[in-house]
Amino acid sequence: MDYLDQPPLVTFRWPDGSKGEHTFDALLTLKDTTRVAVDVKPKTKVQKSRILEVQRLIEEQIGKAFADVYLLRTEDHIHPDDVYDARMLLRARRLACAASDAVVAKLVGGLHGWCRLRDLVAVSGIGGNAFNAAVRLIGDGMLEVRDCARVSYECFVRRARA
């Protein structure tokens, strides 16, 4: 899959003939070459922004020349665990510590299979800093969480497969 953040501006015409412009939040190209134009909005702003009308007009006027599929995503499309994990990752990144990252990365390099995140933290000997370092490694794709569980001391992690 290919991901393009803020793809080029799209120009369209409103029903009254005036010119409209829109920049999608992302343009995805899937492995089967399907192109997906995506807008992300808080659901409280969908109606006021007229985004559904904008997408409909672009799809009618430009269609597959820009994308094969046009999607709108709101918080209703995101699992609460993913929101929780994203917030935790943002917090962990604000508390970045190169020394902690190095300790945990070295431990992860020696992992052979699954372990509880709490055990990885305990073995590190550096407490909460190890938890945040592990969360950063999850965000960076170096550690993976079993069964898409919510990131916590109780989740199981392993070194990500190459």
C-alpha atoms as a PDB file:
ATOM      1  CA  MET A   1       0.000   0.000   0.000  1.00  0.00           C
ATOM      2  CA  ASP A   2       1.168   3.537  -0.743  1.00  0.00           C
ATOM      3  CA  TYR A   3       0.076   6.501   1.402  1.00  0.00           C
ATOM      4  CA  LEU A   4       0.168  10.120   0.272  1.00  0.00           C
ATOM      5  CA  ASP A   5      -0.608  12.684   2.961  1.00  0.00           C
ATOM      6  CA  GLN A   6      -2.395  15.803   1.688  1.00  0.00           C
ATOM      7  CA  PRO A   7      -2.439  14.916  -2.031  1.00  0.00           C
ATOM      8  CA  PRO A   8      -2.634  17.687  -4.662  1.00  0.00           C
ATOM      9  CA  LEU A   9      -5.565  20.089  -4.604  1.00  0.00           C
ATOM     10  CA  VAL A  10      -8.687  19.025  -6.540  1.00  0.00           C
ATOM     11  CA  THR A  11     -10.778  21.623  -8.362  1.00  0.00           C
ATOM     12  CA  PHE A  12     -14.517  21.109  -8.941  1.00  0.00           C
ATOM     13  CA  ARG A  13     -17.666  23.139  -9.649  1.00  0.00           C
ATOM     14  CA  TRP A  14     -20.429  23.862  -7.161  1.00  0.00           C
ATOM     15  CA  PRO A  15     -24.008  23.519  -8.477  1.00  0.00           C
ATOM     16  CA  ASP A  16     -24.172  27.319  -8.978  1.00  0.00           C
ATOM     17  CA  GLY A  17     -21.151  27.096 -11.320  1.00  0.00           C
ATOM     18  CA  SER A  18     -18.632  28.637  -8.949  1.00  0.00           C
ATOM     19  CA  LYS A  19     -15.225  27.055  -8.549  1.00  0.00           C
ATOM     20  CA  GLY A  20     -14.524  24.876  -5.532  1.00  0.00           C
ATOM     21  CA  GLU A  21     -11.220  23.516  -4.285  1.00  0.00           C
ATOM     22  CA  HIS A  22     -10.547  20.644  -1.929  1.00  0.00           C
ATOM     23  CA  THR A  23      -7.521  18.866  -0.534  1.00  0.00           C
ATOM     24  CA  PHE A  24      -8.150  15.342   0.727  1.00  0.00           C
ATOM     25  CA  ASP A  25      -6.452  14.269   3.931  1.00  0.00           C
ATOM     26  CA  ALA A  26      -4.900  11.246   2.242  1.00  0.00           C
ATOM     27  CA  LEU A  27      -4.737   9.293  -0.989  1.00  0.00           C
ATOM     28  CA  LEU A  28      -4.108   5.573  -0.552  1.00  0.00           C
ATOM     29  CA  THR A  29      -3.077   3.226  -3.329  1.00  0.00           C
ATOM     30  CA  LEU A  30      -3.841  -0.348  -2.331  1.00  0.00           C
ATOM     31  CA  LYS A  31      -1.887  -3.398  -3.464  1.00  0.00           C
ATOM     32  CA  ASP A  32      -4.515  -4.081  -6.145  1.00  0.00           C
ATOM     33  CA  THR A  33      -3.927  -0.470  -7.420  1.00  0.00           C
ATOM     34  CA  THR A  34      -7.277   0.813  -6.133  1.00  0.00           C
ATOM     35  CA  ARG A  35      -6.902   4.492  -5.227  1.00  0.00           C
ATOM     36  CA  VAL A  36      -8.829   5.676  -2.165  1.00  0.00           C
ATOM     37  CA  ALA A  37      -9.337   9.386  -1.409  1.00  0.00           C
ATOM     38  CA  VAL A  38      -9.917   9.866   2.316  1.00  0.00           C
ATOM     39  CA  ASP A  39     -11.195  12.754   4.396  1.00  0.00           C
ATOM     40  CA  VAL A  40     -11.077  12.639   8.189  1.00  0.00           C
ATOM     41  CA  LYS A  41     -13.466  14.875  10.126  1.00  0.00           C
ATOM     42  CA  PRO A  42     -14.934  15.030  13.601  1.00  0.00           C
ATOM     43  CA  LYS A  43     -18.526  13.872  13.188  1.00  0.00           C
ATOM     44  CA  THR A  44     -19.749  17.155  14.668  1.00  0.00           C
ATOM     45  CA  LYS A  45     -18.238  19.015  11.686  1.00  0.00           C
ATOM     46  CA  VAL A  46     -19.435  16.775   8.856  1.00  0.00           C
ATOM     47  CA  GLN A  47     -22.657  18.651   8.129  1.00  0.00           C
ATOM     48  CA  LYS A  48     -21.254  22.182   8.500  1.00  0.00           C
ATOM     49  CA  SER A  49     -18.220  21.382   6.322  1.00  0.00           C
ATOM     50  CA  ARG A  50     -20.454  20.006   3.528  1.00  0.00           C
ATOM     51  CA  ILE A  51     -17.765  17.353   3.019  1.00  0.00           C
ATOM     52  CA  LEU A  52     -20.202  14.713   1.771  1.00  0.00           C
ATOM     53  CA  GLU A  53     -21.456  17.117  -0.897  1.00  0.00           C
ATOM     54  CA  VAL A  54     -17.881  18.073  -1.820  1.00  0.00           C
ATOM     55  CA  GLN A  55     -16.928  14.409  -2.196  1.00  0.00           C
ATOM     56  CA  ARG A  56     -20.067  13.670  -4.243  1.00  0.00           C
ATOM     57  CA  LEU A  57     -19.357  16.576  -6.628  1.00  0.00           C
ATOM     58  CA  ILE A  58     -15.707  15.566  -7.039  1.00  0.00           C
ATOM     59  CA  GLU A  59     -16.673  11.967  -7.665  1.00  0.00           C
ATOM     60  CA  GLU A  60     -19.288  13.020 -10.244  1.00  0.00           C
ATOM     61  CA  GLN A  61     -17.040  15.533 -12.026  1.00  0.00           C
ATOM     62  CA  ILE A  62     -13.593  13.951 -11.758  1.00  0.00           C
ATOM     63  CA  GLY A  63     -14.376  10.390 -10.733  1.00  0.00           C
ATOM     64  CA  LYS A  64     -11.760   7.748 -11.341  1.00  0.00           C
ATOM     65  CA  ALA A  65      -9.292  10.249 -12.782  1.00  0.00           C
ATOM     66  CA  PHE A  66      -8.438  11.083  -9.158  1.00  0.00           C
ATOM     67  CA  ALA A  67      -9.600   8.080  -7.103  1.00  0.00           C
ATOM     68  CA  ASP A  68     -11.568   4.863  -7.431  1.00  0.00           C
ATOM     69  CA  VAL A  69     -13.175   5.229  -4.008  1.00  0.00           C
ATOM     70  CA  TYR A  70     -14.040   8.299  -1.918  1.00  0.00           C
ATOM     71  CA  LEU A  71     -14.293   7.839   1.861  1.00  0.00           C
ATOM     72  CA  LEU A  72     -15.101   9.950   4.870  1.00  0.00           C
ATOM     73  CA  ARG A  73     -13.885   8.754   8.247  1.00  0.00           C
ATOM     74  CA  THR A  74     -14.988  10.061  11.638  1.00  0.00           C
ATOM     75  CA  GLU A  75     -14.368   8.874  15.168  1.00  0.00           C
ATOM     76  CA  ASP A  76     -17.223   6.411  14.618  1.00  0.00           C
ATOM     77  CA  HIS A  77     -14.899   4.457  12.306  1.00  0.00           C
ATOM     78  CA  ILE A  78     -12.108   4.052  14.855  1.00  0.00           C
ATOM     79  CA  HIS A  79     -12.100   1.395  17.571  1.00  0.00           C
ATOM     80  CA  PRO A  80     -11.816   2.862  21.093  1.00  0.00           C
ATOM     81  CA  ASP A  81      -8.712   0.736  21.754  1.00  0.00           C
ATOM     82  CA  ASP A  82      -6.983   2.318  18.755  1.00  0.00           C
ATOM     83  CA  VAL A  83      -7.809   5.796  20.071  1.00  0.00           C
ATOM     84  CA  TYR A  84      -6.445   4.825  23.506  1.00  0.00           C
ATOM     85  CA  ASP A  85      -3.259   3.382  21.988  1.00  0.00           C
ATOM     86  CA  ALA A  86      -2.717   6.462  19.812  1.00  0.00           C
ATOM     87  CA  ARG A  87      -3.018   8.751  22.825  1.00  0.00           C
ATOM     88  CA  MET A  88      -0.626   6.563  24.782  1.00  0.00           C
ATOM     89  CA  LEU A  89       1.884   6.656  21.906  1.00  0.00           C
ATOM     90  CA  LEU A  90       1.683  10.451  21.658  1.00  0.00           C
ATOM     91  CA  ARG A  91       2.283  10.691  25.420  1.00  0.00           C
ATOM     92  CA  ALA A  92       5.217   8.275  25.256  1.00  0.00           C
ATOM     93  CA  ARG A  93       6.786  10.224  22.395  1.00  0.00           C
ATOM     94  CA  ARG A  94       6.573  13.451  24.413  1.00  0.00           C
ATOM     95  CA  LEU A  95       8.545  11.669  27.142  1.00  0.00           C
ATOM     96  CA  ALA A  96      11.257  10.335  24.834  1.00  0.00           C
ATOM     97  CA  CYS A  97      14.450   9.159  26.507  1.00  0.00           C
ATOM     98  CA  ALA A  98      17.293   7.861  24.347  1.00  0.00           C
ATOM     99  CA  ALA A  99      18.879   5.923  27.219  1.00  0.00           C
ATOM    100  CA  SER A 100      15.615   4.095  28.007  1.00  0.00           C
ATOM    101  CA  ASP A 101      15.025   3.412  24.326  1.00  0.00           C
ATOM    102  CA  ALA A 102      18.469   1.830  24.036  1.00  0.00           C
ATOM    103  CA  VAL A 103      17.930  -0.428  27.071  1.00  0.00           C
ATOM    104  CA  VAL A 104      14.532  -1.667  25.870  1.00  0.00           C
ATOM    105  CA  ALA A 105      15.626  -2.010  22.231  1.00  0.00           C
ATOM    106  CA  LYS A 106      18.502  -4.247  23.366  1.00  0.00           C
ATOM    107  CA  LEU A 107      16.071  -6.427  25.353  1.00  0.00           C
ATOM    108  CA  VAL A 108      13.671  -6.610  22.419  1.00  0.00           C
ATOM    109  CA  GLY A 109      16.539  -7.702  20.180  1.00  0.00           C
ATOM    110  CA  GLY A 110      16.915 -10.779  22.364  1.00  0.00           C
ATOM    111  CA  LEU A 111      13.225 -11.704  22.505  1.00  0.00           C
ATOM    112  CA  HIS A 112      12.242 -15.085  21.084  1.00  0.00           C
ATOM    113  CA  GLY A 113       8.470 -15.214  21.250  1.00  0.00           C
ATOM    114  CA  TRP A 114       5.802 -13.491  23.267  1.00  0.00           C
ATOM    115  CA  CYS A 115       6.160 -11.962  26.730  1.00  0.00           C
ATOM    116  CA  ARG A 116       3.982  -9.741  28.878  1.00  0.00           C
ATOM    117  CA  LEU A 117       4.898  -6.098  28.557  1.00  0.00           C
ATOM    118  CA  ARG A 118       5.074  -5.946  32.376  1.00  0.00           C
ATOM    119  CA  ASP A 119       7.822  -8.604  32.335  1.00  0.00           C
ATOM    120  CA  LEU A 120       9.819  -6.712  29.715  1.00  0.00           C
ATOM    121  CA  VAL A 121       9.546  -3.564  31.845  1.00  0.00           C
ATOM    122  CA  ALA A 122      10.559  -5.465  35.006  1.00  0.00           C
ATOM    123  CA  VAL A 123      13.625  -7.041  33.380  1.00  0.00           C
ATOM    124  CA  SER A 124      14.792  -3.632  32.142  1.00  0.00           C
ATOM    125  CA  GLY A 125      15.235  -2.380  35.704  1.00  0.00           C
ATOM    126  CA  ILE A 126      14.233   1.168  34.683  1.00  0.00           C
ATOM    127  CA  GLY A 127      10.519   1.131  35.553  1.00  0.00           C
ATOM    128  CA  GLY A 128       8.042   3.430  33.821  1.00  0.00           C
ATOM    129  CA  ASN A 129      10.652   4.732  31.399  1.00  0.00           C
ATOM    130  CA  ALA A 130      10.843   1.206  29.981  1.00  0.00           C
ATOM    131  CA  PHE A 131       7.083   1.117  29.494  1.00  0.00           C
ATOM    132  CA  ASN A 132       7.205   4.363  27.512  1.00  0.00           C
ATOM    133  CA  ALA A 133      10.170   3.103  25.509  1.00  0.00           C
ATOM    134  CA  ALA A 134       8.260  -0.096  24.681  1.00  0.00           C
ATOM    135  CA  VAL A 135       5.235   1.949  23.596  1.00  0.00           C
ATOM    136  CA  ARG A 136       7.501   3.955  21.283  1.00  0.00           C
ATOM    137  CA  LEU A 137       8.884   0.695  19.853  1.00  0.00           C
ATOM    138  CA  ILE A 138       5.314  -0.490  19.220  1.00  0.00           C
ATOM    139  CA  GLY A 139       4.601   2.786  17.428  1.00  0.00           C
ATOM    140  CA  ASP A 140       7.769   2.384  15.370  1.00  0.00           C
ATOM    141  CA  GLY A 141       6.829  -1.158  14.365  1.00  0.00           C
ATOM    142  CA  MET A 142       9.716  -2.816  16.233  1.00  0.00           C
ATOM    143  CA  LEU A 143       7.411  -4.527  18.741  1.00  0.00           C
ATOM    144  CA  GLU A 144       4.006  -5.994  17.979  1.00  0.00           C
ATOM    145  CA  VAL A 145       1.068  -6.576  20.282  1.00  0.00           C
ATOM    146  CA  ARG A 146      -0.689  -9.949  20.237  1.00  0.00           C
ATOM    147  CA  ASP A 147      -4.292 -10.086  18.994  1.00  0.00           C
ATOM    148  CA  CYS A 148      -4.501  -6.296  18.528  1.00  0.00           C
ATOM    149  CA  ALA A 149      -4.965  -5.952  22.290  1.00  0.00           C
ATOM    150  CA  ARG A 150      -4.975  -2.565  23.951  1.00  0.00           C
ATOM    151  CA  VAL A 151      -1.426  -1.572  24.928  1.00  0.00           C
ATOM    152  CA  SER A 152      -1.038  -2.101  28.669  1.00  0.00           C
ATOM    153  CA  TYR A 153       1.246  -3.780  31.163  1.00  0.00           C
ATOM    154  CA  GLU A 154      -0.868  -6.925  30.678  1.00  0.00           C
ATOM    155  CA  CYS A 155      -0.653  -7.185  26.878  1.00  0.00           C
ATOM    156  CA  PHE A 156       1.704  -9.656  25.206  1.00  0.00           C
ATOM    157  CA  VAL A 157       4.421  -8.312  22.894  1.00  0.00           C
ATOM    158  CA  ARG A 158       7.132  -9.752  20.702  1.00  0.00           C
ATOM    159  CA  ARG A 159       9.831  -8.517  18.395  1.00  0.00           C
ATOM    160  CA  ALA A 160       8.164  -7.597  15.108  1.00  0.00           C
ATOM    161  CA  ARG A 161       8.775  -9.958  12.244  1.00  0.00           C
ATOM    162  CA  ALA A 162      10.796  -8.522   9.380  1.00  0.00           C
END
